[in-house]
Amino acid sequence: MENGRSTNVAGQSKSARQSTDQVTRRVPRSSFEAKQITHSAYERLRDPRTPSAEQRELEAFQRDVSANIPIPPGATQIPDYP
């Protein structure tokens, strides 16, 4: 935890996985915050040396964080909103 906020270094070590577990239980307040939380996972996914099993874990982590982003009021009334 840094400056009172959880940091994420997903998929790099046991302590990193524990940090990931803590972050996925935290609800991001915005899509920007979710981007900040998942950025190190994004960097690992872009590295061609990242093993397939780790890639799957990182992708699941990103999905979990993104699934918790609050939907802004009125967004579901936008035509073609998923």
Protein backbone atom coordinates (compact mmCIF):
# COMPACT_ATOMS: atom_id res chain seq x y z
CA MET A 1 0.00 0.00 0.00
CA GLU A 2 1.45 3.34 -1.04
CA ASN A 3 0.04 6.73 -0.03
CA GLY A 4 -3.00 4.92 1.39
CA ARG A 5 -3.78 3.29 -1.97
CA SER A 6 -3.25 -0.28 -3.08
CA THR A 7 -0.69 -0.77 -5.80
CA ASN A 8 -0.68 -3.60 -8.30
CA VAL A 9 2.21 -5.59 -9.67
CA ALA A 10 0.03 -8.48 -10.81
CA GLY A 11 1.54 -11.79 -11.77
CA GLN A 12 5.12 -11.16 -10.69
CA SER A 13 5.44 -12.81 -7.28
CA LYS A 14 3.49 -14.24 -4.36
CA SER A 15 3.34 -10.81 -2.73
CA ALA A 16 2.26 -9.31 -6.05
CA ARG A 17 -0.57 -11.85 -6.32
CA GLN A 18 -1.63 -10.97 -2.78
CA SER A 19 -1.63 -7.31 -3.82
CA THR A 20 -3.76 -8.26 -6.84
CA ASP A 21 -6.23 -10.04 -4.55
CA GLN A 22 -6.51 -6.91 -2.41
CA VAL A 23 -7.07 -4.67 -5.42
CA THR A 24 -9.77 -6.84 -7.00
CA ARG A 25 -11.81 -6.53 -3.80
CA ARG A 26 -11.57 -2.74 -4.09
CA VAL A 27 -14.19 -1.04 -6.27
CA PRO A 28 -12.66 1.50 -8.66
CA ARG A 29 -14.40 4.87 -8.52
CA SER A 30 -13.78 5.57 -12.21
CA SER A 31 -12.48 4.06 -15.41
CA PHE A 32 -9.30 6.13 -14.94
CA GLU A 33 -8.72 4.56 -11.54
CA ALA A 34 -9.30 1.10 -13.05
CA LYS A 35 -6.73 1.93 -15.73
CA GLN A 36 -4.24 2.92 -13.05
CA ILE A 37 -4.89 -0.26 -11.06
CA THR A 38 -4.45 -2.54 -14.08
CA HIS A 39 -1.59 -0.77 -15.85
CA SER A 40 1.18 -3.12 -14.69
CA ALA A 41 -0.94 -6.08 -15.86
CA TYR A 42 -1.27 -4.36 -19.25
CA GLU A 43 2.51 -3.95 -19.44
CA ARG A 44 3.08 -7.64 -18.62
CA LEU A 45 0.51 -8.66 -21.27
CA ARG A 46 2.37 -6.68 -23.93
CA ASP A 47 5.61 -8.49 -23.13
CA PRO A 48 5.95 -11.46 -25.52
CA ARG A 49 7.98 -13.31 -22.86
CA THR A 50 5.01 -13.46 -20.46
CA PRO A 51 3.92 -17.13 -20.16
CA SER A 52 0.42 -18.07 -21.37
CA ALA A 53 -0.77 -19.08 -17.90
CA GLU A 54 0.26 -15.70 -16.50
CA GLN A 55 -1.42 -13.94 -19.45
CA ARG A 56 -4.70 -15.67 -18.59
CA GLU A 57 -4.38 -14.58 -14.94
CA LEU A 58 -3.61 -11.00 -15.94
CA GLU A 59 -6.54 -10.87 -18.36
CA ALA A 60 -8.87 -12.21 -15.65
CA PHE A 61 -7.53 -9.58 -13.25
CA GLN A 62 -8.24 -6.81 -15.77
CA ARG A 63 -11.77 -8.15 -16.36
CA ASP A 64 -12.46 -8.32 -12.61
CA VAL A 65 -11.35 -4.74 -12.03
CA SER A 66 -13.24 -3.45 -15.09
CA ALA A 67 -16.42 -5.25 -14.05
CA ASN A 68 -16.48 -3.15 -10.88
CA ILE A 69 -16.40 0.25 -12.58
CA PRO A 70 -19.65 2.03 -11.74
CA ILE A 71 -21.87 2.76 -14.74
CA PRO A 72 -22.54 6.52 -14.92
CA PRO A 73 -26.15 7.64 -14.50
CA GLY A 74 -27.97 7.68 -17.85
CA ALA A 75 -25.32 5.58 -19.65
CA THR A 76 -27.72 2.69 -20.18
CA GLN A 77 -30.07 5.04 -22.09
CA ILE A 78 -27.41 5.65 -24.75
CA PRO A 79 -28.37 3.84 -27.98
CA ASP A 80 -26.14 0.81 -28.60
CA TYR A 81 -24.80 0.83 -25.02
CA PRO A 82 -23.62 -2.77 -24.38
